[in-house]
Amino acid sequence: MIPLGLLEPGAVKVARRVLRGPRRSNAPGLPDRAAEPVRREYVRNLLARKSPPKGVLRFVTAEILAAPDRVGDGKDELLADLLSKPTPTHTWGRAVGAAAVANVTEARLPLLLLAQVAADREQTMDEGTWRSVHPSAARWLVFLASTGYTLAPIEQKVVDDDAATPDADDDDREPAAESDHGYDGDGGYDGDGDPGPEDA
């Protein structure tokens, strides 16, 4: 091996990087980027169903009422993508949702509400979602799992971290919503969209 002292300064830096090996990082990196397109393709197929799966209306109602100020976080471009519609050309205002409502059956209306909630959640999920506790992202992933979606390991971590941190500080966490809107006592979603005897 050539002593580092005999190398040019630039070559010394290269040699040290080689000897040190690849840097380790705490960032999720590839796994989270790989999970997103798979998840969104599942959401597109879910939103394309002729009728909503069980639990959709209860889930979207709970999410909207828990944080009404967050409705609309999802941009029109993302909403159009999830609904498999052409990318909007307007530069201001919202038009995708209104256009979709005009051409949808009554049975599919809950899916349009789900589309907006989906866009809101997907728009706000980034690298920070995987690094800290995000109850809203966890609820979204748990709901998707209740409809048949298989969580990637990085997505399961979001769910597990939220379940292990019951006192997480999140603006959209509503303690009462877990039992009143279809969420079980462990922070999960039970997928039951049917009214119980007390609602009859």
N, C-alpha and C. Protein backbone atom coordinates (compact mmCIF):
# COMPACT_ATOMS: atom_id res chain seq x y z
N MET A 1 0.85 -1.20 0.00
CA MET A 1 0.00 0.00 0.00
C MET A 1 0.88 1.24 0.00
N ILE A 2 0.52 2.23 -0.81
CA ILE A 2 1.29 3.47 -0.90
C ILE A 2 0.96 4.34 0.30
N PRO A 3 1.96 4.82 1.04
CA PRO A 3 1.70 5.72 2.18
C PRO A 3 0.94 6.95 1.72
N LEU A 4 -0.03 7.40 2.51
CA LEU A 4 -0.84 8.56 2.12
C LEU A 4 0.01 9.81 1.96
N GLY A 5 1.12 9.87 2.72
CA GLY A 5 1.95 11.07 2.64
C GLY A 5 2.61 11.26 1.29
N LEU A 6 2.68 10.21 0.48
CA LEU A 6 3.30 10.31 -0.84
C LEU A 6 2.30 10.67 -1.93
N LEU A 7 1.02 10.79 -1.59
CA LEU A 7 0.00 11.10 -2.58
C LEU A 7 -0.27 12.60 -2.66
N GLU A 8 -0.80 13.03 -3.81
CA GLU A 8 -1.23 14.42 -3.96
C GLU A 8 -2.43 14.66 -3.03
N PRO A 9 -2.65 15.94 -2.62
CA PRO A 9 -3.75 16.24 -1.70
C PRO A 9 -5.10 15.70 -2.16
N GLY A 10 -5.41 15.88 -3.45
CA GLY A 10 -6.69 15.39 -3.97
C GLY A 10 -6.79 13.89 -3.91
N ALA A 11 -5.68 13.21 -4.18
CA ALA A 11 -5.67 11.75 -4.14
C ALA A 11 -5.80 11.24 -2.72
N VAL A 12 -5.29 12.02 -1.75
CA VAL A 12 -5.40 11.62 -0.35
C VAL A 12 -6.87 11.55 0.06
N LYS A 13 -7.65 12.55 -0.35
CA LYS A 13 -9.07 12.57 0.00
C LYS A 13 -9.80 11.37 -0.58
N VAL A 14 -9.47 11.05 -1.84
CA VAL A 14 -10.11 9.90 -2.48
C VAL A 14 -9.73 8.62 -1.75
N ALA A 15 -8.42 8.50 -1.42
CA ALA A 15 -7.95 7.29 -0.74
C ALA A 15 -8.62 7.12 0.61
N ARG A 16 -8.78 8.23 1.34
CA ARG A 16 -9.40 8.14 2.66
C ARG A 16 -10.86 7.71 2.56
N ARG A 17 -11.57 8.20 1.52
CA ARG A 17 -12.96 7.80 1.34
C ARG A 17 -13.06 6.31 1.03
N VAL A 18 -12.12 5.82 0.22
CA VAL A 18 -12.12 4.40 -0.12
C VAL A 18 -11.87 3.55 1.11
N LEU A 19 -10.86 3.98 1.91
CA LEU A 19 -10.53 3.23 3.11
C LEU A 19 -11.65 3.26 4.14
N ARG A 20 -12.34 4.40 4.21
CA ARG A 20 -13.41 4.55 5.19
C ARG A 20 -14.64 3.72 4.82
N GLY A 21 -14.83 3.53 3.52
CA GLY A 21 -16.00 2.77 3.07
C GLY A 21 -17.21 3.68 2.95
N PRO A 22 -18.32 3.14 2.52
CA PRO A 22 -19.54 3.96 2.35
C PRO A 22 -20.04 4.51 3.66
N ARG A 23 -20.52 5.75 3.62
CA ARG A 23 -21.06 6.37 4.82
C ARG A 23 -22.39 5.74 5.20
N ARG A 24 -22.59 5.64 6.48
CA ARG A 24 -23.88 5.16 6.97
C ARG A 24 -24.77 6.37 7.26
N SER A 25 -26.02 6.20 7.01
CA SER A 25 -26.97 7.29 7.22
C SER A 25 -28.19 6.77 7.94
N ASN A 26 -28.77 7.63 8.78
CA ASN A 26 -30.01 7.27 9.45
C ASN A 26 -31.23 7.52 8.59
N ALA A 27 -31.02 8.21 7.44
CA ALA A 27 -32.14 8.51 6.56
C ALA A 27 -32.62 7.24 5.88
N PRO A 28 -33.94 7.09 5.71
CA PRO A 28 -34.48 5.89 5.07
C PRO A 28 -33.99 5.71 3.65
N GLY A 29 -33.86 6.84 2.91
CA GLY A 29 -33.33 6.76 1.56
C GLY A 29 -34.24 6.00 0.62
N LEU A 30 -33.70 4.98 -0.04
CA LEU A 30 -34.40 4.26 -1.09
C LEU A 30 -35.71 3.63 -0.64
N PRO A 31 -35.80 2.99 0.53
CA PRO A 31 -37.05 2.32 0.89
C PRO A 31 -38.28 3.21 0.84
N ASP A 32 -38.17 4.46 1.34
CA ASP A 32 -39.35 5.32 1.34
C ASP A 32 -39.70 5.78 -0.07
N ARG A 33 -38.68 6.01 -0.91
CA ARG A 33 -38.95 6.42 -2.29
C ARG A 33 -39.57 5.27 -3.07
N ALA A 34 -39.18 4.05 -2.75
CA ALA A 34 -39.73 2.89 -3.44
C ALA A 34 -41.16 2.61 -3.01
N ALA A 35 -41.50 2.93 -1.77
CA ALA A 35 -42.84 2.64 -1.25
C ALA A 35 -43.89 3.56 -1.85
N GLU A 36 -43.53 4.81 -2.11
CA GLU A 36 -44.52 5.80 -2.56
C GLU A 36 -45.23 5.42 -3.85
N PRO A 37 -44.53 5.08 -4.95
CA PRO A 37 -45.26 4.75 -6.18
C PRO A 37 -46.13 3.52 -6.04
N VAL A 38 -45.71 2.54 -5.25
CA VAL A 38 -46.52 1.34 -5.04
C VAL A 38 -47.80 1.71 -4.29
N ARG A 39 -47.65 2.53 -3.25
CA ARG A 39 -48.80 2.95 -2.46
C ARG A 39 -49.78 3.77 -3.29
N ARG A 40 -49.26 4.68 -4.07
CA ARG A 40 -50.14 5.54 -4.86
C ARG A 40 -50.85 4.78 -5.97
N GLU A 41 -50.21 3.78 -6.52
CA GLU A 41 -50.88 2.96 -7.52
C GLU A 41 -52.04 2.20 -6.88
N TYR A 42 -51.83 1.73 -5.66
CA TYR A 42 -52.91 1.06 -4.93
C TYR A 42 -54.06 2.03 -4.69
N VAL A 43 -53.73 3.27 -4.30
CA VAL A 43 -54.77 4.28 -4.04
C VAL A 43 -55.56 4.56 -5.32
N ARG A 44 -54.87 4.67 -6.45
CA ARG A 44 -55.57 4.91 -7.72
C ARG A 44 -56.58 3.79 -7.99
N ASN A 45 -56.16 2.56 -7.80
CA ASN A 45 -57.07 1.43 -8.04
C ASN A 45 -58.22 1.42 -7.03
N LEU A 46 -57.93 1.81 -5.80
CA LEU A 46 -58.98 1.87 -4.78
C LEU A 46 -60.02 2.91 -5.15
N LEU A 47 -59.57 4.07 -5.60
CA LEU A 47 -60.49 5.16 -5.96
C LEU A 47 -61.25 4.88 -7.24
N ALA A 48 -60.79 3.93 -8.04
CA ALA A 48 -61.45 3.60 -9.30
C ALA A 48 -62.56 2.57 -9.14
N ARG A 49 -62.74 2.05 -7.93
CA ARG A 49 -63.77 1.04 -7.70
C ARG A 49 -65.17 1.62 -7.96
N LYS A 50 -66.08 0.74 -8.32
CA LYS A 50 -67.45 1.17 -8.59
C LYS A 50 -68.18 1.54 -7.30
N SER A 51 -67.78 0.95 -6.21
CA SER A 51 -68.39 1.27 -4.92
C SER A 51 -67.30 1.25 -3.86
N PRO A 52 -67.46 2.05 -2.81
CA PRO A 52 -66.42 2.13 -1.78
C PRO A 52 -66.37 0.88 -0.91
N PRO A 53 -65.19 0.48 -0.49
CA PRO A 53 -65.10 -0.64 0.45
C PRO A 53 -65.63 -0.24 1.81
N LYS A 54 -65.89 -1.22 2.63
CA LYS A 54 -66.45 -0.98 3.95
C LYS A 54 -65.54 -0.07 4.77
N GLY A 55 -66.13 0.91 5.43
CA GLY A 55 -65.38 1.77 6.32
C GLY A 55 -64.92 3.09 5.74
N VAL A 56 -65.08 3.29 4.42
CA VAL A 56 -64.57 4.51 3.78
C VAL A 56 -65.25 5.76 4.32
N LEU A 57 -66.58 5.76 4.33
CA LEU A 57 -67.30 6.97 4.74
C LEU A 57 -66.99 7.32 6.20
N ARG A 58 -66.90 6.34 7.06
CA ARG A 58 -66.58 6.61 8.46
C ARG A 58 -65.17 7.18 8.59
N PHE A 59 -64.23 6.62 7.83
CA PHE A 59 -62.85 7.10 7.89
C PHE A 59 -62.73 8.55 7.43
N VAL A 60 -63.29 8.86 6.26
CA VAL A 60 -63.14 10.23 5.74
C VAL A 60 -63.88 11.23 6.62
N THR A 61 -65.03 10.83 7.16
CA THR A 61 -65.76 11.73 8.05
C THR A 61 -64.93 12.04 9.29
N ALA A 62 -64.32 11.01 9.87
CA ALA A 62 -63.50 11.21 11.06
C ALA A 62 -62.31 12.11 10.76
N GLU A 63 -61.67 11.89 9.62
CA GLU A 63 -60.49 12.68 9.27
C GLU A 63 -60.84 14.14 9.00
N ILE A 64 -61.92 14.36 8.29
CA ILE A 64 -62.32 15.73 7.95
C ILE A 64 -62.76 16.50 9.20
N LEU A 65 -63.56 15.87 10.05
CA LEU A 65 -64.05 16.55 11.24
C LEU A 65 -62.94 16.75 12.28
N ALA A 66 -61.95 15.87 12.29
CA ALA A 66 -60.85 16.01 13.25
C ALA A 66 -59.94 17.17 12.89
N ALA A 67 -59.79 17.45 11.60
CA ALA A 67 -58.90 18.54 11.18
C ALA A 67 -59.43 19.17 9.90
N PRO A 68 -60.56 19.89 9.98
CA PRO A 68 -61.14 20.49 8.78
C PRO A 68 -60.23 21.50 8.10
N ASP A 69 -59.33 22.10 8.89
CA ASP A 69 -58.43 23.09 8.30
C ASP A 69 -57.37 22.46 7.41
N ARG A 70 -57.21 21.12 7.49
CA ARG A 70 -56.21 20.46 6.66
C ARG A 70 -56.80 19.93 5.36
N VAL A 71 -58.12 20.02 5.20
CA VAL A 71 -58.73 19.62 3.94
C VAL A 71 -58.27 20.58 2.85
N GLY A 72 -57.72 20.09 1.81
CA GLY A 72 -57.21 20.93 0.75
C GLY A 72 -55.70 21.01 0.72
N ASP A 73 -55.04 20.31 1.68
CA ASP A 73 -53.57 20.27 1.63
C ASP A 73 -53.09 19.63 0.34
N GLY A 74 -53.86 18.68 -0.17
CA GLY A 74 -53.49 18.02 -1.42
C GLY A 74 -53.78 18.92 -2.62
N LYS A 75 -52.78 19.15 -3.42
CA LYS A 75 -52.94 20.03 -4.58
C LYS A 75 -53.78 19.36 -5.66
N ASP A 76 -54.32 20.19 -6.56
CA ASP A 76 -55.16 19.68 -7.63
C ASP A 76 -54.41 18.70 -8.52
N GLU A 77 -53.11 18.95 -8.72
CA GLU A 77 -52.32 18.06 -9.57
C GLU A 77 -52.28 16.64 -8.99
N LEU A 78 -52.10 16.54 -7.67
CA LEU A 78 -52.05 15.24 -7.04
C LEU A 78 -53.43 14.59 -7.01
N LEU A 79 -54.46 15.39 -6.75
CA LEU A 79 -55.83 14.86 -6.77
C LEU A 79 -56.15 14.28 -8.14
N ALA A 80 -55.77 15.00 -9.20
CA ALA A 80 -56.00 14.51 -10.56
C ALA A 80 -55.24 13.22 -10.81
N ASP A 81 -54.02 13.15 -10.33
CA ASP A 81 -53.21 11.95 -10.50
C ASP A 81 -53.86 10.75 -9.82
N LEU A 82 -54.33 10.92 -8.58
CA LEU A 82 -54.93 9.82 -7.84
C LEU A 82 -56.26 9.38 -8.45
N LEU A 83 -56.94 10.32 -9.09
CA LEU A 83 -58.21 10.00 -9.75
C LEU A 83 -58.01 9.56 -11.19
N SER A 84 -56.74 9.48 -11.62
CA SER A 84 -56.40 9.09 -13.00
C SER A 84 -57.04 10.04 -14.01
N LYS A 85 -57.01 11.33 -13.68
CA LYS A 85 -57.53 12.36 -14.57
C LYS A 85 -56.37 13.14 -15.18
N PRO A 86 -56.60 13.85 -16.29
CA PRO A 86 -55.53 14.64 -16.89
C PRO A 86 -55.01 15.71 -15.92
N THR A 87 -53.75 16.01 -16.03
CA THR A 87 -53.16 17.06 -15.19
C THR A 87 -53.83 18.39 -15.48
N PRO A 88 -54.33 19.09 -14.48
CA PRO A 88 -55.02 20.36 -14.72
C PRO A 88 -54.07 21.41 -15.30
N THR A 89 -54.63 22.25 -16.15
CA THR A 89 -53.83 23.30 -16.78
C THR A 89 -54.02 24.65 -16.12
N HIS A 90 -55.01 24.77 -15.24
CA HIS A 90 -55.24 26.06 -14.58
C HIS A 90 -54.12 26.33 -13.58
N THR A 91 -53.84 27.58 -13.36
CA THR A 91 -52.76 27.97 -12.46
C THR A 91 -53.27 28.48 -11.11
N TRP A 92 -54.58 28.57 -10.95
CA TRP A 92 -55.13 29.02 -9.67
C TRP A 92 -56.49 28.36 -9.47
N GLY A 93 -56.94 28.33 -8.23
CA GLY A 93 -58.24 27.75 -7.92
C GLY A 93 -58.23 26.23 -7.96
N ARG A 94 -59.38 25.66 -7.67
CA ARG A 94 -59.56 24.21 -7.66
C ARG A 94 -60.65 23.84 -8.65
N ALA A 95 -60.39 22.85 -9.50
CA ALA A 95 -61.38 22.45 -10.49
C ALA A 95 -61.53 20.93 -10.61
N VAL A 96 -60.52 20.19 -10.21
CA VAL A 96 -60.53 18.74 -10.40
C VAL A 96 -61.64 18.07 -9.62
N GLY A 97 -61.77 18.41 -8.34
CA GLY A 97 -62.80 17.80 -7.51
C GLY A 97 -64.20 18.10 -8.00
N ALA A 98 -64.45 19.36 -8.33
CA ALA A 98 -65.78 19.76 -8.79
C ALA A 98 -66.14 19.05 -10.09
N ALA A 99 -65.18 18.93 -10.98
CA ALA A 99 -65.43 18.24 -12.25
C ALA A 99 -65.73 16.76 -12.02
N ALA A 100 -65.04 16.17 -11.07
CA ALA A 100 -65.25 14.75 -10.78
C ALA A 100 -66.64 14.51 -10.18
N VAL A 101 -67.08 15.40 -9.31
CA VAL A 101 -68.40 15.26 -8.67
C VAL A 101 -69.52 15.32 -9.71
N ALA A 102 -69.32 16.14 -10.73
CA ALA A 102 -70.35 16.33 -11.74
C ALA A 102 -70.61 15.07 -12.56
N ASN A 103 -69.68 14.13 -12.53
CA ASN A 103 -69.81 12.94 -13.36
C ASN A 103 -69.69 11.65 -12.56
N VAL A 104 -70.14 11.68 -11.33
CA VAL A 104 -70.02 10.49 -10.49
C VAL A 104 -71.39 10.05 -9.99
N THR A 105 -71.53 8.76 -9.77
CA THR A 105 -72.79 8.24 -9.23
C THR A 105 -72.84 8.49 -7.72
N GLU A 106 -74.04 8.41 -7.16
CA GLU A 106 -74.21 8.59 -5.72
C GLU A 106 -73.37 7.57 -4.94
N ALA A 107 -73.29 6.36 -5.45
CA ALA A 107 -72.58 5.30 -4.75
C ALA A 107 -71.08 5.60 -4.63
N ARG A 108 -70.55 6.37 -5.58
CA ARG A 108 -69.11 6.63 -5.59
C ARG A 108 -68.72 7.93 -4.88
N LEU A 109 -69.69 8.66 -4.38
CA LEU A 109 -69.38 9.93 -3.71
C LEU A 109 -68.42 9.76 -2.53
N PRO A 110 -68.57 8.73 -1.68
CA PRO A 110 -67.59 8.55 -0.60
C PRO A 110 -66.16 8.38 -1.12
N LEU A 111 -66.02 7.80 -2.30
CA LEU A 111 -64.69 7.62 -2.87
C LEU A 111 -64.08 8.95 -3.29
N LEU A 112 -64.92 9.90 -3.69
CA LEU A 112 -64.39 11.22 -4.03
C LEU A 112 -63.92 11.95 -2.78
N LEU A 113 -64.67 11.80 -1.70
CA LEU A 113 -64.20 12.38 -0.43
C LEU A 113 -62.88 11.72 -0.02
N LEU A 114 -62.80 10.41 -0.20
CA LEU A 114 -61.57 9.70 0.11
C LEU A 114 -60.43 10.20 -0.77
N ALA A 115 -60.72 10.53 -2.01
CA ALA A 115 -59.68 11.02 -2.92
C ALA A 115 -59.05 12.31 -2.39
N GLN A 116 -59.89 13.20 -1.86
CA GLN A 116 -59.34 14.45 -1.32
C GLN A 116 -58.53 14.19 -0.07
N VAL A 117 -59.04 13.34 0.82
CA VAL A 117 -58.28 12.99 2.03
C VAL A 117 -56.97 12.32 1.64
N ALA A 118 -57.03 11.44 0.65
CA ALA A 118 -55.82 10.76 0.18
C ALA A 118 -54.80 11.76 -0.34
N ALA A 119 -55.27 12.73 -1.13
CA ALA A 119 -54.37 13.75 -1.65
C ALA A 119 -53.77 14.58 -0.51
N ASP A 120 -54.59 14.89 0.48
CA ASP A 120 -54.10 15.66 1.64
C ASP A 120 -52.99 14.90 2.35
N ARG A 121 -53.21 13.61 2.58
CA ARG A 121 -52.21 12.81 3.31
C ARG A 121 -50.96 12.59 2.47
N GLU A 122 -51.15 12.26 1.21
CA GLU A 122 -50.00 11.97 0.36
C GLU A 122 -49.16 13.22 0.11
N GLN A 123 -49.82 14.37 0.00
CA GLN A 123 -49.10 15.62 -0.25
C GLN A 123 -48.18 15.98 0.91
N THR A 124 -48.58 15.63 2.12
CA THR A 124 -47.83 16.05 3.30
C THR A 124 -46.87 14.97 3.81
N MET A 125 -46.81 13.83 3.13
CA MET A 125 -45.88 12.78 3.54
C MET A 125 -44.54 13.00 2.84
N ASP A 126 -43.49 13.14 3.64
CA ASP A 126 -42.15 13.34 3.09
C ASP A 126 -41.15 12.59 3.96
N GLU A 127 -39.88 12.91 3.82
CA GLU A 127 -38.87 12.19 4.59
C GLU A 127 -39.08 12.33 6.10
N GLY A 128 -39.64 13.47 6.52
CA GLY A 128 -39.89 13.66 7.94
C GLY A 128 -40.90 12.67 8.50
N THR A 129 -41.79 12.17 7.62
CA THR A 129 -42.80 11.20 8.05
C THR A 129 -42.15 9.93 8.58
N TRP A 130 -41.04 9.56 7.98
CA TRP A 130 -40.40 8.30 8.34
C TRP A 130 -39.45 8.46 9.54
N ARG A 131 -39.14 9.71 9.88
CA ARG A 131 -38.15 9.95 10.93
C ARG A 131 -38.75 10.30 12.28
N SER A 132 -40.02 10.66 12.31
CA SER A 132 -40.65 11.03 13.57
C SER A 132 -42.10 10.55 13.56
N VAL A 133 -42.77 10.69 14.69
CA VAL A 133 -44.14 10.18 14.82
C VAL A 133 -45.13 11.12 14.12
N HIS A 134 -45.95 10.56 13.23
CA HIS A 134 -46.96 11.33 12.52
C HIS A 134 -48.28 10.57 12.58
N PRO A 135 -49.13 10.88 13.56
CA PRO A 135 -50.39 10.16 13.72
C PRO A 135 -51.28 10.18 12.48
N SER A 136 -51.36 11.32 11.78
CA SER A 136 -52.23 11.38 10.60
C SER A 136 -51.74 10.44 9.51
N ALA A 137 -50.43 10.37 9.30
CA ALA A 137 -49.87 9.45 8.31
C ALA A 137 -50.10 8.01 8.76
N ALA A 138 -49.95 7.75 10.05
CA ALA A 138 -50.17 6.40 10.57
C ALA A 138 -51.62 5.97 10.36
N ARG A 139 -52.56 6.87 10.64
CA ARG A 139 -53.98 6.53 10.44
C ARG A 139 -54.27 6.23 8.98
N TRP A 140 -53.67 7.01 8.10
CA TRP A 140 -53.85 6.81 6.67
C TRP A 140 -53.33 5.44 6.24
N LEU A 141 -52.16 5.08 6.72
CA LEU A 141 -51.58 3.79 6.36
C LEU A 141 -52.37 2.63 6.96
N VAL A 142 -52.84 2.80 8.19
CA VAL A 142 -53.65 1.76 8.82
C VAL A 142 -54.95 1.57 8.05
N PHE A 143 -55.55 2.67 7.62
CA PHE A 143 -56.78 2.57 6.83
C PHE A 143 -56.51 1.81 5.53
N LEU A 144 -55.44 2.16 4.83
CA LEU A 144 -55.13 1.47 3.58
C LEU A 144 -54.95 -0.02 3.83
N ALA A 145 -54.27 -0.35 4.92
CA ALA A 145 -54.07 -1.76 5.25
C ALA A 145 -55.41 -2.47 5.49
N SER A 146 -56.39 -1.74 6.06
CA SER A 146 -57.70 -2.34 6.33
C SER A 146 -58.46 -2.64 5.05
N THR A 147 -58.06 -2.03 3.93
CA THR A 147 -58.72 -2.28 2.65
C THR A 147 -57.98 -3.32 1.81
N GLY A 148 -56.88 -3.84 2.35
CA GLY A 148 -56.15 -4.88 1.63
C GLY A 148 -54.75 -4.52 1.21
N TYR A 149 -54.33 -3.30 1.47
CA TYR A 149 -52.98 -2.87 1.07
C TYR A 149 -51.95 -3.50 2.01
N THR A 150 -50.84 -3.97 1.43
CA THR A 150 -49.75 -4.54 2.22
C THR A 150 -48.71 -3.46 2.50
N LEU A 151 -48.54 -3.12 3.74
CA LEU A 151 -47.60 -2.06 4.11
C LEU A 151 -46.16 -2.50 3.86
N ALA A 152 -45.38 -1.58 3.30
CA ALA A 152 -43.95 -1.80 3.17
C ALA A 152 -43.33 -1.66 4.56
N PRO A 153 -42.14 -2.23 4.78
CA PRO A 153 -41.51 -2.13 6.11
C PRO A 153 -41.40 -0.69 6.61
N ILE A 154 -41.08 0.26 5.72
CA ILE A 154 -40.92 1.65 6.14
C ILE A 154 -42.26 2.23 6.56
N GLU A 155 -43.35 1.78 5.91
CA GLU A 155 -44.70 2.24 6.26
C GLU A 155 -45.16 1.59 7.57
N GLN A 156 -44.83 0.33 7.75
CA GLN A 156 -45.18 -0.35 9.00
C GLN A 156 -44.48 0.32 10.17
N LYS A 157 -43.29 0.84 9.94
CA LYS A 157 -42.54 1.54 10.99
C LYS A 157 -43.30 2.79 11.44
N VAL A 158 -43.91 3.50 10.50
CA VAL A 158 -44.70 4.69 10.84
C VAL A 158 -45.85 4.30 11.76
N VAL A 159 -46.52 3.21 11.43
CA VAL A 159 -47.65 2.74 12.22
C VAL A 159 -47.17 2.30 13.60
N ASP A 160 -46.09 1.54 13.64
CA ASP A 160 -45.58 1.03 14.92
C ASP A 160 -45.08 2.16 15.82
N ASP A 161 -44.41 3.14 15.23
CA ASP A 161 -43.90 4.26 16.02
C ASP A 161 -45.05 5.06 16.62
N ASP A 162 -46.12 5.23 15.86
CA ASP A 162 -47.27 5.97 16.37
C ASP A 162 -47.96 5.19 17.49
N ALA A 163 -48.10 3.88 17.30
CA ALA A 163 -48.74 3.05 18.32
C ALA A 163 -47.94 3.02 19.61
N ALA A 164 -46.63 3.15 19.50
CA ALA A 164 -45.76 3.11 20.67
C ALA A 164 -45.63 4.47 21.35
N THR A 165 -46.22 5.52 20.74
CA THR A 165 -46.12 6.87 21.28
C THR A 165 -47.51 7.46 21.41
N PRO A 166 -48.28 7.04 22.41
CA PRO A 166 -49.66 7.50 22.53
C PRO A 166 -49.81 8.99 22.80
N ASP A 167 -48.76 9.62 23.33
CA ASP A 167 -48.85 11.05 23.64
C ASP A 167 -48.17 11.90 22.60
N ALA A 168 -48.06 11.39 21.36
CA ALA A 168 -47.40 12.14 20.29
C ALA A 168 -48.10 13.47 20.08
N ASP A 169 -47.31 14.52 19.86
CA ASP A 169 -47.85 15.86 19.66
C ASP A 169 -48.17 16.05 18.19
N ASP A 170 -49.46 15.99 17.87
CA ASP A 170 -49.88 16.14 16.49
C ASP A 170 -51.19 16.91 16.49
N ASP A 171 -51.29 17.96 15.68
CA ASP A 171 -52.46 18.82 15.68
C ASP A 171 -53.73 18.08 15.34
N ASP A 172 -53.61 17.02 14.51
CA ASP A 172 -54.83 16.38 14.07
C ASP A 172 -55.17 15.15 14.90
N ARG A 173 -54.48 14.92 16.02
CA ARG A 173 -54.85 13.79 16.88
C ARG A 173 -56.02 14.19 17.77
N GLU A 174 -57.09 13.43 17.70
CA GLU A 174 -58.26 13.67 18.53
C GLU A 174 -58.44 12.45 19.43
N PRO A 175 -58.19 12.56 20.75
CA PRO A 175 -58.29 11.40 21.63
C PRO A 175 -59.63 10.68 21.54
N ALA A 176 -60.73 11.43 21.47
CA ALA A 176 -62.04 10.78 21.45
C ALA A 176 -62.33 10.10 20.13
N ALA A 177 -61.65 10.54 19.06
CA ALA A 177 -61.96 10.01 17.74
C ALA A 177 -61.59 8.55 17.61
N GLU A 178 -60.66 8.07 18.43
CA GLU A 178 -60.21 6.70 18.29
C GLU A 178 -61.33 5.71 18.57
N SER A 179 -62.22 6.03 19.52
CA SER A 179 -63.30 5.11 19.82
C SER A 179 -64.59 5.50 19.12
N ASP A 180 -64.76 6.80 18.82
CA ASP A 180 -66.02 7.27 18.25
C ASP A 180 -66.08 7.19 16.74
N HIS A 181 -64.93 7.06 16.08
CA HIS A 181 -64.93 7.12 14.63
C HIS A 181 -64.24 5.92 14.01
N GLY A 182 -64.31 4.78 14.64
CA GLY A 182 -63.80 3.58 14.01
C GLY A 182 -62.38 3.24 14.34
N TYR A 183 -61.76 3.93 15.28
CA TYR A 183 -60.39 3.62 15.65
C TYR A 183 -60.39 2.80 16.92
N ASP A 184 -59.54 1.77 16.95
CA ASP A 184 -59.52 0.94 18.13
C ASP A 184 -58.66 1.56 19.21
N GLY A 185 -58.59 0.94 20.35
CA GLY A 185 -57.90 1.52 21.49
C GLY A 185 -56.40 1.58 21.33
N ASP A 186 -55.86 0.87 20.32
CA ASP A 186 -54.41 0.88 20.12
C ASP A 186 -53.99 1.86 19.04
N GLY A 187 -54.88 2.73 18.61
CA GLY A 187 -54.52 3.71 17.59
C GLY A 187 -54.72 3.20 16.19
N GLY A 188 -55.32 2.00 16.02
CA GLY A 188 -55.54 1.46 14.69
C GLY A 188 -56.95 1.75 14.22
N TYR A 189 -57.23 1.40 12.95
CA TYR A 189 -58.55 1.62 12.38
C TYR A 189 -59.22 0.28 12.22
N ASP A 190 -60.44 0.13 12.75
CA ASP A 190 -61.06 -1.19 12.74
C ASP A 190 -61.82 -1.48 11.46
N GLY A 191 -61.89 -0.44 10.57
CA GLY A 191 -62.51 -0.67 9.26
C GLY A 191 -64.01 -0.86 9.29
N ASP A 192 -64.67 -0.70 10.40
CA ASP A 192 -66.11 -0.91 10.51
C ASP A 192 -66.86 0.35 10.15
N GLY A 193 -67.46 0.36 8.99
CA GLY A 193 -68.17 1.55 8.56
C GLY A 193 -69.66 1.48 8.82
N ASP A 194 -70.15 0.38 9.38
CA ASP A 194 -71.57 0.26 9.62
C ASP A 194 -71.95 0.86 10.97
N PRO A 195 -73.09 1.55 11.04
CA PRO A 195 -73.52 2.10 12.32
C PRO A 195 -73.88 0.99 13.29
N GLY A 196 -73.56 1.19 14.56
CA GLY A 196 -73.89 0.21 15.57
C GLY A 196 -75.29 0.41 16.05
N PRO A 197 -75.72 -0.40 17.00
CA PRO A 197 -77.10 -0.28 17.50
C PRO A 197 -77.40 1.09 18.07
N GLU A 198 -76.37 1.73 18.64
CA GLU A 198 -76.63 3.03 19.23
C GLU A 198 -76.86 4.10 18.20
N ASP A 199 -76.46 3.81 16.92
CA ASP A 199 -76.66 4.79 15.86
C ASP A 199 -77.97 4.61 15.14
N ALA A 200 -78.62 3.48 15.39
CA ALA A 200 -79.84 3.19 14.65
C ALA A 200 -80.96 4.11 15.09
